[in-house]
């Protein structure tokens, strides 16, 4: 599907609203 990536915040928001932390040092 289509994903929204925010470089500033470091997360990806999926179509279903799932948030995947990727570029963050904090979990």
N, C-alpha and C. Protein backbone atom coordinates (compact mmCIF):
# COMPACT_ATOMS: atom_id res chain seq x y z
N UNK A 1 0.82 -1.21 0.00
CA UNK A 1 0.00 0.00 0.00
C UNK A 1 0.86 1.25 0.00
N UNK A 2 0.21 2.37 0.21
CA UNK A 2 0.93 3.64 0.23
C UNK A 2 1.31 3.98 1.66
N UNK A 3 2.55 4.40 1.86
CA UNK A 3 3.00 4.74 3.20
C UNK A 3 3.44 6.21 3.25
N UNK A 4 3.23 6.82 4.41
CA UNK A 4 3.66 8.20 4.61
C UNK A 4 4.89 8.19 5.50
N UNK A 5 5.99 8.79 5.04
CA UNK A 5 7.22 8.80 5.82
C UNK A 5 7.57 10.21 6.25
N UNK A 6 7.80 10.38 7.53
CA UNK A 6 8.19 11.68 8.06
C UNK A 6 9.63 11.62 8.52
N UNK A 7 10.52 12.29 7.79
CA UNK A 7 11.95 12.27 8.14
C UNK A 7 12.21 12.99 9.46
N UNK A 8 11.45 14.06 9.71
CA UNK A 8 11.65 14.86 10.91
C UNK A 8 11.32 14.08 12.18
N UNK A 9 10.24 13.33 12.10
CA UNK A 9 9.79 12.59 13.28
C UNK A 9 10.37 11.18 13.30
N UNK A 10 10.65 10.65 12.12
CA UNK A 10 11.25 9.33 12.04
C UNK A 10 10.26 8.20 12.20
N UNK A 11 9.11 8.30 11.53
CA UNK A 11 8.14 7.22 11.63
C UNK A 11 7.38 7.05 10.32
N UNK A 12 6.84 5.87 10.13
CA UNK A 12 6.03 5.59 8.95
C UNK A 12 4.60 5.28 9.39
N UNK A 13 3.63 5.94 8.77
CA UNK A 13 2.23 5.67 9.08
C UNK A 13 1.60 4.92 7.92
N UNK A 14 1.13 3.72 8.20
CA UNK A 14 0.53 2.89 7.16
C UNK A 14 -0.91 3.26 6.88
N UNK A 15 -1.51 2.56 5.92
CA UNK A 15 -2.89 2.83 5.52
C UNK A 15 -3.86 2.55 6.67
N UNK A 16 -3.57 1.49 7.43
CA UNK A 16 -4.46 1.09 8.51
C UNK A 16 -4.21 1.89 9.79
N UNK A 17 -3.24 2.82 9.72
CA UNK A 17 -2.95 3.65 10.87
C UNK A 17 -1.85 3.07 11.74
N UNK A 18 -1.16 2.04 11.23
CA UNK A 18 -0.08 1.43 11.98
C UNK A 18 1.15 2.32 11.95
N UNK A 19 1.73 2.56 13.09
CA UNK A 19 2.90 3.43 13.17
C UNK A 19 4.15 2.59 13.41
N UNK A 20 5.12 2.73 12.52
CA UNK A 20 6.37 1.99 12.67
C UNK A 20 7.50 2.96 12.95
N UNK A 21 8.09 2.83 14.13
CA UNK A 21 9.21 3.69 14.48
C UNK A 21 10.46 3.16 13.79
N UNK A 22 11.14 4.01 13.02
CA UNK A 22 12.30 3.53 12.28
C UNK A 22 13.54 4.37 12.52
N UNK A 23 13.40 5.68 12.43
CA UNK A 23 14.58 6.54 12.51
C UNK A 23 14.71 7.20 13.87
N UNK A 24 14.14 6.58 14.87
CA UNK A 24 14.15 7.18 16.20
C UNK A 24 15.03 6.41 17.16
N UNK A 25 15.80 7.13 17.96
CA UNK A 25 16.66 6.50 18.94
C UNK A 25 15.82 6.05 20.14
N UNK A 26 14.64 6.66 20.28
CA UNK A 26 13.74 6.30 21.38
C UNK A 26 12.70 5.31 20.88
N UNK A 27 12.36 4.34 21.70
CA UNK A 27 11.35 3.35 21.31
C UNK A 27 10.05 3.61 22.07
